[in-house]
Amino acid sequence: MMAFLGGFDAPGASDSASAESRRNVDGIRDNSFLVEEAYNQDPGVVQHIFIASYSVDRRAGPDDKIWNLTYTQEWPVFSQTHQFSYTVPYRFIETGGHSQNGLGDILFNYRYQAYFDERNLRGFAPRLSLVLPTGDANRGFGDDTFGGQINLPFSTAIRDSWFVHLNAGLTYLPNAGVDREQHLLHFNLGSSIIYAATRDIHFLLEWVGGWNEMPKSSGTLHREFAAIISPGVRKAFNLPNDAQLVLGIAAPIGLTRSAPDFGVLFYLSFEHLFQKRK
């Protein structure tokens, strides 16, 4: 789920192999904005990812407006095989003329690069996450419980200019909510197709869907399905000392009644070395 361009080696690639390869798909190997790509971080490189999304949901209330901010930092653990990261969410909500903001539930993540083929960039990297109860459940920013999440990302290149990425996962939240009597189970699916127009400009089309369990006022649970489609573009910039910046923008569009009507998403990724390569 990392970006590699110019001075960066692709995961597991040698300097000579990187120099010889001129395929467009070798230019950027970064997160899709909404979908995980199955490439762990390269040894010696740390990545910072910041995502800001703004959405409008007229079905939930009178022009509900939401800003979701997330910051993720990813580190290789001794090698590209193992990776640790953490994700910190923050949300601003405006509804009915009132606004509030707060920290969401933080995630600690471990990913294992179970498979990677440098020739066709085919990869599989399952992730396990610990959900921490850092958000305020009374204000709707968290679930007030420790939980677990698993995601299964698969990635592959198609010829020299296309990527396909697939995700499937679930989140389990025992004793969730203010009354701590709900056991919530959420399922998620996602896919993205990416056209590498050049080595540093990619066009993305992503789809994500989720079946989320929600408590009713009666105390029972019901499951809602929400799905969005999101076209976008990203651009990579090489910087001195093997640093790299990736900027992106997308326009998520709701496909179901329980999804926001529309929005805009801004993406920023910055990579740099934290130790010298051998």
C-alpha atoms as a PDB file:
ATOM      1  CA  MET A   1       0.000   0.000   0.000  1.00  0.00           C
ATOM      2  CA  MET A   2       3.008   2.163  -0.568  1.00  0.00           C
ATOM      3  CA  ALA A   3       4.208   4.580  -3.201  1.00  0.00           C
ATOM      4  CA  PHE A   4       7.443   4.042  -5.096  1.00  0.00           C
ATOM      5  CA  LEU A   5       8.711   6.274  -7.872  1.00  0.00           C
ATOM      6  CA  GLY A   6      12.036   7.288  -9.330  1.00  0.00           C
ATOM      7  CA  GLY A   7      14.621   6.821  -6.561  1.00  0.00           C
ATOM      8  CA  PHE A   8      12.389   4.339  -4.700  1.00  0.00           C
ATOM      9  CA  ASP A   9      12.732   0.643  -5.387  1.00  0.00           C
ATOM     10  CA  ALA A  10       9.617  -1.430  -5.841  1.00  0.00           C
ATOM     11  CA  PRO A  11       9.111  -3.937  -3.021  1.00  0.00           C
ATOM     12  CA  GLY A  12      11.701  -6.655  -3.348  1.00  0.00           C
ATOM     13  CA  ALA A  13      13.261  -5.178  -6.478  1.00  0.00           C
ATOM     14  CA  SER A  14      16.975  -4.661  -6.955  1.00  0.00           C
ATOM     15  CA  ASP A  15      18.489  -1.385  -8.136  1.00  0.00           C
ATOM     16  CA  SER A  16      19.320  -2.913 -11.521  1.00  0.00           C
ATOM     17  CA  ALA A  17      15.820  -4.306 -12.004  1.00  0.00           C
ATOM     18  CA  SER A  18      14.294  -0.949 -11.085  1.00  0.00           C
ATOM     19  CA  ALA A  19      16.552   0.859 -13.531  1.00  0.00           C
ATOM     20  CA  GLU A  20      15.701  -1.562 -16.351  1.00  0.00           C
ATOM     21  CA  SER A  21      11.929  -1.408 -15.886  1.00  0.00           C
ATOM     22  CA  ARG A  22      10.136   1.366 -17.729  1.00  0.00           C
ATOM     23  CA  ARG A  23       6.542   0.174 -17.375  1.00  0.00           C
ATOM     24  CA  ASN A  24       4.054   2.821 -16.310  1.00  0.00           C
ATOM     25  CA  VAL A  25       2.766   0.513 -13.558  1.00  0.00           C
ATOM     26  CA  ASP A  26       6.192   0.638 -11.907  1.00  0.00           C
ATOM     27  CA  GLY A  27       5.894   4.382 -11.315  1.00  0.00           C
ATOM     28  CA  ILE A  28       3.490   4.610  -8.346  1.00  0.00           C
ATOM     29  CA  ARG A  29       2.517   1.825  -5.972  1.00  0.00           C
ATOM     30  CA  ASP A  30       0.442   3.695  -3.442  1.00  0.00           C
ATOM     31  CA  ASN A  31      -2.861   3.310  -1.633  1.00  0.00           C
ATOM     32  CA  SER A  32      -5.933   3.804  -3.673  1.00  0.00           C
ATOM     33  CA  PHE A  33      -7.855   6.485  -1.798  1.00  0.00           C
ATOM     34  CA  LEU A  34     -10.580   4.146  -0.490  1.00  0.00           C
ATOM     35  CA  VAL A  35      -9.115   0.698  -1.231  1.00  0.00           C
ATOM     36  CA  GLU A  36      -5.969  -0.929   0.185  1.00  0.00           C
ATOM     37  CA  GLU A  37      -3.307  -2.025  -2.260  1.00  0.00           C
ATOM     38  CA  ALA A  38      -1.449  -5.202  -1.303  1.00  0.00           C
ATOM     39  CA  TYR A  39       2.100  -3.798  -1.178  1.00  0.00           C
ATOM     40  CA  ASN A  40       3.870  -3.426   2.160  1.00  0.00           C
ATOM     41  CA  GLN A  41       6.310  -0.613   2.840  1.00  0.00           C
ATOM     42  CA  ASP A  42       9.852  -0.925   1.489  1.00  0.00           C
ATOM     43  CA  PRO A  43      12.647  -1.506   4.080  1.00  0.00           C
ATOM     44  CA  GLY A  44      14.067   1.764   5.396  1.00  0.00           C
ATOM     45  CA  VAL A  45      11.121   3.908   4.239  1.00  0.00           C
ATOM     46  CA  VAL A  46       8.322   5.387   6.364  1.00  0.00           C
ATOM     47  CA  GLN A  47       5.101   6.679   4.811  1.00  0.00           C
ATOM     48  CA  HIS A  48       2.727   9.375   6.079  1.00  0.00           C
ATOM     49  CA  ILE A  49      -0.801   9.381   4.618  1.00  0.00           C
ATOM     50  CA  PHE A  50      -3.335  12.166   5.153  1.00  0.00           C
ATOM     51  CA  ILE A  51      -6.888  11.958   3.766  1.00  0.00           C
ATOM     52  CA  ALA A  52      -9.548  14.661   4.053  1.00  0.00           C
ATOM     53  CA  SER A  53     -13.048  13.945   2.741  1.00  0.00           C
ATOM     54  CA  TYR A  54     -16.073  16.273   2.682  1.00  0.00           C
ATOM     55  CA  SER A  55     -19.550  14.864   2.106  1.00  0.00           C
ATOM     56  CA  VAL A  56     -23.105  16.184   1.897  1.00  0.00           C
ATOM     57  CA  ASP A  57     -26.004  13.926   2.894  1.00  0.00           C
ATOM     58  CA  ARG A  58     -29.434  15.462   2.261  1.00  0.00           C
ATOM     59  CA  ARG A  59     -31.224  12.224   3.115  1.00  0.00           C
ATOM     60  CA  ALA A  60     -29.927  12.087   6.705  1.00  0.00           C
ATOM     61  CA  GLY A  61     -31.033  15.623   7.539  1.00  0.00           C
ATOM     62  CA  PRO A  62     -31.243  19.191   6.254  1.00  0.00           C
ATOM     63  CA  ASP A  63     -28.043  19.311   4.256  1.00  0.00           C
ATOM     64  CA  ASP A  64     -25.854  17.363   6.688  1.00  0.00           C
ATOM     65  CA  LYS A  65     -22.198  18.148   6.073  1.00  0.00           C
ATOM     66  CA  ILE A  66     -19.300  16.029   7.320  1.00  0.00           C
ATOM     67  CA  TRP A  67     -15.515  16.404   7.230  1.00  0.00           C
ATOM     68  CA  ASN A  68     -13.595  13.161   7.857  1.00  0.00           C
ATOM     69  CA  LEU A  69      -9.849  13.500   8.462  1.00  0.00           C
ATOM     70  CA  THR A  70      -7.502  10.519   8.837  1.00  0.00           C
ATOM     71  CA  TYR A  71      -3.776  10.312   9.404  1.00  0.00           C
ATOM     72  CA  THR A  72      -1.880   7.029   8.924  1.00  0.00           C
ATOM     73  CA  GLN A  73       1.808   6.333   9.473  1.00  0.00           C
ATOM     74  CA  GLU A  74       3.328   3.090   8.145  1.00  0.00           C
ATOM     75  CA  TRP A  75       6.633   1.443   9.075  1.00  0.00           C
ATOM     76  CA  PRO A  76       8.342  -1.727   7.839  1.00  0.00           C
ATOM     77  CA  VAL A  77       9.279  -4.059  10.712  1.00  0.00           C
ATOM     78  CA  PHE A  78      12.847  -5.155   9.885  1.00  0.00           C
ATOM     79  CA  SER A  79      11.802  -6.122   6.344  1.00  0.00           C
ATOM     80  CA  GLN A  80       9.062  -5.624   3.762  1.00  0.00           C
ATOM     81  CA  THR A  81       7.374  -8.834   4.932  1.00  0.00           C
ATOM     82  CA  HIS A  82       6.027  -7.287   8.128  1.00  0.00           C
ATOM     83  CA  GLN A  83       4.520  -3.815   8.517  1.00  0.00           C
ATOM     84  CA  PHE A  84       3.112  -1.817  11.437  1.00  0.00           C
ATOM     85  CA  SER A  85       0.913   1.247  11.113  1.00  0.00           C
ATOM     86  CA  TYR A  86      -1.589   3.288  13.050  1.00  0.00           C
ATOM     87  CA  THR A  87      -4.593   5.302  11.874  1.00  0.00           C
ATOM     88  CA  VAL A  88      -6.018   8.343  13.688  1.00  0.00           C
ATOM     89  CA  PRO A  89      -9.468   9.622  12.548  1.00  0.00           C
ATOM     90  CA  TYR A  90     -11.056  12.984  13.351  1.00  0.00           C
ATOM     91  CA  ARG A  91     -14.513  14.188  12.323  1.00  0.00           C
ATOM     92  CA  PHE A  92     -16.363  17.503  11.962  1.00  0.00           C
ATOM     93  CA  ILE A  93     -20.167  17.280  11.671  1.00  0.00           C
ATOM     94  CA  GLU A  94     -22.658  20.051  10.855  1.00  0.00           C
ATOM     95  CA  THR A  95     -26.362  19.171  11.004  1.00  0.00           C
ATOM     96  CA  GLY A  96     -29.475  21.224  11.639  1.00  0.00           C
ATOM     97  CA  GLY A  97     -27.446  24.379  12.233  1.00  0.00           C
ATOM     98  CA  HIS A  98     -25.360  22.736  14.949  1.00  0.00           C
ATOM     99  CA  SER A  99     -21.752  21.569  14.666  1.00  0.00           C
ATOM    100  CA  GLN A 100     -19.481  19.317  16.686  1.00  0.00           C
ATOM    101  CA  ASN A 101     -16.132  17.618  16.220  1.00  0.00           C
ATOM    102  CA  GLY A 102     -14.105  14.930  17.886  1.00  0.00           C
ATOM    103  CA  LEU A 103     -11.569  12.126  17.730  1.00  0.00           C
ATOM    104  CA  GLY A 104     -12.708   8.760  16.368  1.00  0.00           C
ATOM    105  CA  ASP A 105     -11.597   5.240  17.244  1.00  0.00           C
ATOM    106  CA  ILE A 106      -7.846   4.783  16.605  1.00  0.00           C
ATOM    107  CA  LEU A 107      -6.564   1.658  14.832  1.00  0.00           C
ATOM    108  CA  PHE A 108      -3.265  -0.205  15.367  1.00  0.00           C
ATOM    109  CA  ASN A 109      -2.504  -2.280  12.258  1.00  0.00           C
ATOM    110  CA  TYR A 110      -0.243  -5.208  11.350  1.00  0.00           C
ATOM    111  CA  ARG A 111       0.133  -6.389   7.733  1.00  0.00           C
ATOM    112  CA  TYR A 112       1.885  -9.503   6.454  1.00  0.00           C
ATOM    113  CA  GLN A 113       3.174  -9.597   2.871  1.00  0.00           C
ATOM    114  CA  ALA A 114       2.057 -13.164   2.257  1.00  0.00           C
ATOM    115  CA  TYR A 115       2.765 -13.089  -1.481  1.00  0.00           C
ATOM    116  CA  PHE A 116       4.428 -10.764  -3.971  1.00  0.00           C
ATOM    117  CA  ASP A 117       5.529 -11.327  -7.591  1.00  0.00           C
ATOM    118  CA  GLU A 118       7.684  -8.543  -8.983  1.00  0.00           C
ATOM    119  CA  ARG A 119       7.000  -9.499 -12.619  1.00  0.00           C
ATOM    120  CA  ASN A 120       3.246  -8.914 -12.616  1.00  0.00           C
ATOM    121  CA  LEU A 121       3.039  -6.937  -9.338  1.00  0.00           C
ATOM    122  CA  ARG A 122       0.634  -9.521  -7.966  1.00  0.00           C
ATOM    123  CA  GLY A 123       0.388  -9.293  -4.201  1.00  0.00           C
ATOM    124  CA  PHE A 124      -1.598 -10.447  -1.180  1.00  0.00           C
ATOM    125  CA  ALA A 125      -1.134  -8.782   2.231  1.00  0.00           C
ATOM    126  CA  PRO A 126      -3.710  -9.583   4.939  1.00  0.00           C
ATOM    127  CA  ARG A 127      -4.107  -6.992   7.694  1.00  0.00           C
ATOM    128  CA  LEU A 128      -5.168  -7.374  11.329  1.00  0.00           C
ATOM    129  CA  SER A 129      -6.158  -4.277  13.329  1.00  0.00           C
ATOM    130  CA  LEU A 130      -6.940  -3.505  16.936  1.00  0.00           C
ATOM    131  CA  VAL A 131      -9.716  -0.918  17.337  1.00  0.00           C
ATOM    132  CA  LEU A 132      -9.244   1.328  20.383  1.00  0.00           C
ATOM    133  CA  PRO A 133     -12.229   3.024  22.123  1.00  0.00           C
ATOM    134  CA  THR A 134     -10.864   6.571  21.787  1.00  0.00           C
ATOM    135  CA  GLY A 135     -13.994   8.130  20.235  1.00  0.00           C
ATOM    136  CA  ASP A 136     -16.911   9.525  22.239  1.00  0.00           C
ATOM    137  CA  ALA A 137     -19.849   7.162  21.720  1.00  0.00           C
ATOM    138  CA  ASN A 138     -22.309   9.677  23.213  1.00  0.00           C
ATOM    139  CA  ARG A 139     -21.570  12.091  20.355  1.00  0.00           C
ATOM    140  CA  GLY A 140     -21.390   9.421  17.645  1.00  0.00           C
ATOM    141  CA  PHE A 141     -17.609   9.488  17.174  1.00  0.00           C
ATOM    142  CA  GLY A 142     -16.880   5.947  18.391  1.00  0.00           C
ATOM    143  CA  ASP A 143     -18.314   2.704  19.711  1.00  0.00           C
ATOM    144  CA  ASP A 144     -16.874   2.724  23.253  1.00  0.00           C
ATOM    145  CA  THR A 145     -15.309  -0.739  22.957  1.00  0.00           C
ATOM    146  CA  PHE A 146     -12.149  -2.546  21.964  1.00  0.00           C
ATOM    147  CA  GLY A 147     -12.650  -4.361  18.676  1.00  0.00           C
ATOM    148  CA  GLY A 148     -10.918  -6.186  15.877  1.00  0.00           C
ATOM    149  CA  GLN A 149     -10.734  -5.759  12.121  1.00  0.00           C
ATOM    150  CA  ILE A 150      -9.403  -7.926   9.310  1.00  0.00           C
ATOM    151  CA  ASN A 151      -8.924  -6.921   5.687  1.00  0.00           C
ATOM    152  CA  LEU A 152      -7.741  -9.033   2.756  1.00  0.00           C
ATOM    153  CA  PRO A 153      -6.233  -6.904  -0.043  1.00  0.00           C
ATOM    154  CA  PHE A 154      -5.258  -8.441  -3.389  1.00  0.00           C
ATOM    155  CA  SER A 155      -3.495  -6.522  -6.161  1.00  0.00           C
ATOM    156  CA  THR A 156      -2.251  -7.252  -9.656  1.00  0.00           C
ATOM    157  CA  ALA A 157      -1.016  -5.355 -12.699  1.00  0.00           C
ATOM    158  CA  ILE A 158      -2.498  -5.950 -16.147  1.00  0.00           C
ATOM    159  CA  ARG A 159       0.057  -5.424 -18.900  1.00  0.00           C
ATOM    160  CA  ASP A 160       2.067  -2.189 -18.585  1.00  0.00           C
ATOM    161  CA  SER A 161      -0.593   0.419 -17.744  1.00  0.00           C
ATOM    162  CA  TRP A 162      -3.363  -1.077 -15.577  1.00  0.00           C
ATOM    163  CA  PHE A 163      -3.865  -2.123 -11.951  1.00  0.00           C
ATOM    164  CA  VAL A 164      -6.736  -4.007 -10.322  1.00  0.00           C
ATOM    165  CA  HIS A 165      -7.180  -4.092  -6.525  1.00  0.00           C
ATOM    166  CA  LEU A 166      -9.731  -6.067  -4.492  1.00  0.00           C
ATOM    167  CA  ASN A 167     -10.583  -5.906  -0.764  1.00  0.00           C
ATOM    168  CA  ALA A 168     -12.766  -7.987   1.547  1.00  0.00           C
ATOM    169  CA  GLY A 169     -12.945  -7.634   5.301  1.00  0.00           C
ATOM    170  CA  LEU A 170     -14.933  -7.410   8.500  1.00  0.00           C
ATOM    171  CA  THR A 171     -14.977  -5.496  11.790  1.00  0.00           C
ATOM    172  CA  TYR A 172     -16.196  -6.966  15.098  1.00  0.00           C
ATOM    173  CA  LEU A 173     -17.145  -4.651  17.968  1.00  0.00           C
ATOM    174  CA  PRO A 174     -18.277  -6.447  21.140  1.00  0.00           C
ATOM    175  CA  ASN A 175     -20.141  -4.549  23.864  1.00  0.00           C
ATOM    176  CA  ALA A 176     -20.498  -1.504  21.612  1.00  0.00           C
ATOM    177  CA  GLY A 177     -22.499   1.675  22.065  1.00  0.00           C
ATOM    178  CA  VAL A 178     -23.502   3.788  25.015  1.00  0.00           C
ATOM    179  CA  ASP A 179     -25.428   0.946  26.692  1.00  0.00           C
ATOM    180  CA  ARG A 180     -22.581  -1.544  25.921  1.00  0.00           C
ATOM    181  CA  GLU A 181     -25.091  -4.263  25.078  1.00  0.00           C
ATOM    182  CA  GLN A 182     -24.585  -4.465  21.302  1.00  0.00           C
ATOM    183  CA  HIS A 183     -22.244  -6.830  19.484  1.00  0.00           C
ATOM    184  CA  LEU A 184     -21.755  -5.270  16.050  1.00  0.00           C
ATOM    185  CA  LEU A 185     -20.404  -7.011  12.960  1.00  0.00           C
ATOM    186  CA  HIS A 186     -19.615  -4.990   9.824  1.00  0.00           C
ATOM    187  CA  PHE A 187     -18.604  -6.420   6.425  1.00  0.00           C
ATOM    188  CA  ASN A 188     -16.777  -4.490   3.702  1.00  0.00           C
ATOM    189  CA  LEU A 189     -15.915  -5.027   0.040  1.00  0.00           C
ATOM    190  CA  GLY A 190     -13.930  -2.795  -2.276  1.00  0.00           C
ATOM    191  CA  SER A 191     -12.336  -2.669  -5.700  1.00  0.00           C
ATOM    192  CA  SER A 192     -10.385  -0.202  -7.762  1.00  0.00           C
ATOM    193  CA  ILE A 193      -9.130  -0.099 -11.312  1.00  0.00           C
ATOM    194  CA  ILE A 194      -6.249   2.250 -12.099  1.00  0.00           C
ATOM    195  CA  TYR A 195      -4.942   3.437 -15.444  1.00  0.00           C
ATOM    196  CA  ALA A 196      -1.292   4.505 -15.329  1.00  0.00           C
ATOM    197  CA  ALA A 197      -1.273   7.179 -18.029  1.00  0.00           C
ATOM    198  CA  THR A 198       2.406   7.850 -17.246  1.00  0.00           C
ATOM    199  CA  ARG A 199       4.778   6.694 -14.536  1.00  0.00           C
ATOM    200  CA  ASP A 200       3.672   9.561 -12.296  1.00  0.00           C
ATOM    201  CA  ILE A 201       0.026  10.219 -13.257  1.00  0.00           C
ATOM    202  CA  HIS A 202      -2.716   7.679 -12.513  1.00  0.00           C
ATOM    203  CA  PHE A 203      -6.481   7.774 -13.045  1.00  0.00           C
ATOM    204  CA  LEU A 204      -8.576   5.800 -10.539  1.00  0.00           C
ATOM    205  CA  LEU A 205     -12.110   4.420 -10.367  1.00  0.00           C
ATOM    206  CA  GLU A 206     -13.014   2.933  -6.985  1.00  0.00           C
ATOM    207  CA  TRP A 207     -16.080   1.198  -5.580  1.00  0.00           C
ATOM    208  CA  VAL A 208     -16.590   0.405  -1.894  1.00  0.00           C
ATOM    209  CA  GLY A 209     -19.572  -1.160  -0.162  1.00  0.00           C
ATOM    210  CA  GLY A 210     -20.333  -2.123   3.397  1.00  0.00           C
ATOM    211  CA  TRP A 211     -22.985  -4.001   5.385  1.00  0.00           C
ATOM    212  CA  ASN A 212     -23.100  -2.232   8.743  1.00  0.00           C
ATOM    213  CA  GLU A 213     -25.078  -3.383  11.763  1.00  0.00           C
ATOM    214  CA  MET A 214     -26.926  -0.516  13.417  1.00  0.00           C
ATOM    215  CA  PRO A 215     -28.879  -0.544  16.722  1.00  0.00           C
ATOM    216  CA  LYS A 216     -32.565   0.403  16.679  1.00  0.00           C
ATOM    217  CA  SER A 217     -34.271   2.361  19.449  1.00  0.00           C
ATOM    218  CA  SER A 218     -35.994  -0.903  20.439  1.00  0.00           C
ATOM    219  CA  GLY A 219     -32.600  -2.453  21.179  1.00  0.00           C
ATOM    220  CA  THR A 220     -32.605  -4.785  18.169  1.00  0.00           C
ATOM    221  CA  LEU A 221     -30.120  -4.610  15.286  1.00  0.00           C
ATOM    222  CA  HIS A 222     -30.659  -4.012  11.605  1.00  0.00           C
ATOM    223  CA  ARG A 223     -28.115  -4.087   8.777  1.00  0.00           C
ATOM    224  CA  GLU A 224     -27.716  -1.274   6.277  1.00  0.00           C
ATOM    225  CA  PHE A 225     -25.855  -1.495   2.976  1.00  0.00           C
ATOM    226  CA  ALA A 226     -23.990   1.603   1.804  1.00  0.00           C
ATOM    227  CA  ALA A 227     -22.017   1.875  -1.432  1.00  0.00           C
ATOM    228  CA  ILE A 228     -20.187   4.648  -3.265  1.00  0.00           C
ATOM    229  CA  ILE A 229     -18.283   5.005  -6.521  1.00  0.00           C
ATOM    230  CA  SER A 230     -15.370   7.410  -6.720  1.00  0.00           C
ATOM    231  CA  PRO A 231     -13.408   8.601  -9.788  1.00  0.00           C
ATOM    232  CA  GLY A 232     -10.074  10.288  -9.053  1.00  0.00           C
ATOM    233  CA  VAL A 233      -6.542  11.123 -10.137  1.00  0.00           C
ATOM    234  CA  ARG A 234      -3.144  11.119  -8.416  1.00  0.00           C
ATOM    235  CA  LYS A 235       0.230  12.646  -9.250  1.00  0.00           C
ATOM    236  CA  ALA A 236       3.648  11.757  -7.827  1.00  0.00           C
ATOM    237  CA  PHE A 237       6.592  14.128  -7.313  1.00  0.00           C
ATOM    238  CA  ASN A 238      10.189  13.063  -6.723  1.00  0.00           C
ATOM    239  CA  LEU A 239      12.017  15.070  -4.055  1.00  0.00           C
ATOM    240  CA  PRO A 240      15.665  15.187  -2.944  1.00  0.00           C
ATOM    241  CA  ASN A 241      17.134  12.414  -0.768  1.00  0.00           C
ATOM    242  CA  ASP A 242      14.810   9.729  -2.148  1.00  0.00           C
ATOM    243  CA  ALA A 243      11.687  11.395  -0.750  1.00  0.00           C
ATOM    244  CA  GLN A 244       8.405  11.273  -2.635  1.00  0.00           C
ATOM    245  CA  LEU A 245       5.121  13.182  -2.501  1.00  0.00           C
ATOM    246  CA  VAL A 246       1.843  11.894  -3.960  1.00  0.00           C
ATOM    247  CA  LEU A 247      -1.177  14.212  -4.260  1.00  0.00           C
ATOM    248  CA  GLY A 248      -4.645  13.103  -5.267  1.00  0.00           C
ATOM    249  CA  ILE A 249      -8.252  14.215  -5.554  1.00  0.00           C
ATOM    250  CA  ALA A 250     -11.477  12.253  -6.022  1.00  0.00           C
ATOM    251  CA  ALA A 251     -15.255  12.793  -6.186  1.00  0.00           C
ATOM    252  CA  PRO A 252     -17.170  10.114  -4.216  1.00  0.00           C
ATOM    253  CA  ILE A 253     -20.811   9.623  -5.267  1.00  0.00           C
ATOM    254  CA  GLY A 254     -23.377   7.724  -3.210  1.00  0.00           C
ATOM    255  CA  LEU A 255     -25.088   4.742  -4.873  1.00  0.00           C
ATOM    256  CA  THR A 256     -27.453   3.744  -2.064  1.00  0.00           C
ATOM    257  CA  ARG A 257     -29.863   5.579   0.236  1.00  0.00           C
ATOM    258  CA  SER A 258     -27.660   5.033   3.288  1.00  0.00           C
ATOM    259  CA  ALA A 259     -24.580   6.544   1.594  1.00  0.00           C
ATOM    260  CA  PRO A 260     -23.806  10.293   1.390  1.00  0.00           C
ATOM    261  CA  ASP A 261     -25.112  12.000  -1.754  1.00  0.00           C
ATOM    262  CA  PHE A 262     -21.757  13.323  -2.969  1.00  0.00           C
ATOM    263  CA  GLY A 263     -18.463  14.660  -1.754  1.00  0.00           C
ATOM    264  CA  VAL A 264     -14.838  15.462  -2.472  1.00  0.00           C
ATOM    265  CA  LEU A 265     -11.704  13.711  -1.226  1.00  0.00           C
ATOM    266  CA  PHE A 266      -8.143  15.029  -0.937  1.00  0.00           C
ATOM    267  CA  TYR A 267      -5.187  12.660  -0.604  1.00  0.00           C
ATOM    268  CA  LEU A 268      -1.577  13.348   0.414  1.00  0.00           C
ATOM    269  CA  SER A 269       1.196  10.793   0.868  1.00  0.00           C
ATOM    270  CA  PHE A 270       4.787  11.561   1.842  1.00  0.00           C
ATOM    271  CA  GLU A 271       7.583   8.973   1.978  1.00  0.00           C
ATOM    272  CA  HIS A 272      11.156   9.360   3.165  1.00  0.00           C
ATOM    273  CA  LEU A 273      14.050   7.247   4.324  1.00  0.00           C
ATOM    274  CA  PHE A 274      14.551   6.710   8.062  1.00  0.00           C
ATOM    275  CA  GLN A 275      17.676   4.595   7.561  1.00  0.00           C
ATOM    276  CA  LYS A 276      20.244   4.148   4.823  1.00  0.00           C
ATOM    277  CA  ARG A 277      19.740   1.321   2.357  1.00  0.00           C
ATOM    278  CA  LYS A 278      22.413  -1.334   2.236  1.00  0.00           C
END
